[in-house]
Amino acid sequence: MKAAVLKTARQLVVEDVPVPTLARDEVLVRVAACGICGSDLRYFEGENPWALHTLGVSTPNPPNIILGHEFAGEVVETADDCFKDLVGRRVVVSPYRACGLCALCRSGRYNLCRATIHLGHGAGWADRDYYPGGMAEYCPVWGDKAYVLPDHVSYDEATILDIAGVGLHAVSVGAMPPNADVAVLGAGPLGLCILQIARAWGANSTFCTDVYEKPLEMARAFHAEEAILSSDREPADVVLDRTSGVGVDMVFDTVGTSETQRQGLKMLAPGGSLVNLVANRNRVSLELVELAGERSIRTSTNYFFHDFQAAIDLAASGRLNLAPLITHRFPLGEVERAFQIGLHKQQHQALKIVIRVRG
């Protein structure tokens, strides 16, 4: 089968690899579409964002990772009769499995499990010739992580559901109060999903920031009260002006720079929470007075499986509109070109890039 294999940093090639042999608890998915996530771009550049986010350390990537964890397709084979009802069904994949045995898993915090196995990441696997992922014609998937896709949600749209689960979990971590005023820093696919989820969960006013205009157009289409070009206006000043100097109850930082942290704290109301979704090596300094008035900084990692199902349900209900986020589509054979566009998204006005593996 054909697969997009990351041989080493910046060396991504489409080559023939063996069709996977299934373990007893797995199904074989014939992949239809796979999204390029921001973390995929970081893997391409040689980083390991999963290790930074979950373990808090930098670890090297193994060679021969088949990239892609945001994917959907059709189940064509199962190794166990308990999953036979999935054969022939359209599914979207939750791409990680926790160990189930560690203290974090046993306490219900399996999203933080340090022994996670992750499709498309090379994380947690024993040494192997190729590490499985969704940018391939076929991918082995744990049967309980293949979620039936509603008929009216397309394969392309389904590629955004993993990141929507991340956004939904972040809104949960922040414990968004009723009628909250919310600001989202960064209007990429994650930020735009958070914007919609917050509105679906009863946010009062929503604000969104970015450094170029294309995603802000989308934020306005999703009814953000203000879509702020941060190179043109100081976001915190705009938010404070629109909230009569009070600020917002929730800030979601999907960018993760010292500047966005500064902006977020400045626009945060007393008692408010800033939820950070990015792990990197950026240094951030603050004065403790910036946290006065019971302001807090939270972090959000991955999602719970019920978050993923809730994201599917939101998309099925129409309250999470995914199709407009997709700006570029490429066949598997043009995956390297697709990554170059993702790395220069402003130049190409790109939001979500989808690899159409089949069809």
Foldseek 3Di string as FASTA:
>chain_A
DWFFWAQAAQDTAIDDDDFDDADQQKFKFQWFKFWDDPQNLVVNRFWQFVCCQQVVDTDGAHGAERATQLTKGATCGHNYPVLVVRHGFTWTFDFKDAPCPDPCNVVVNRLNHQQMQGHRRNGNDDDDPHGHHRRGRMGIGRSVGTHGAPPPQDRQLSSLLQLLLLLLQLCVVQVADAQWEEEEEDQFSNSVSNLLVCVVVHHNAYEYEDQDDLSLVVVVVSPHPYYYNCVVDPVLVVQCVVVVNAATQEYEYPPDALSVVVSNLSRHGQLHEYEYEGGDDHDHDDDVCSCPNVYYYHYTGRHDVVSSVVSSVCVVVVSRDRVVQADEEEESNCVSVQSVCVVVVNVVVHHMYMYRPDD
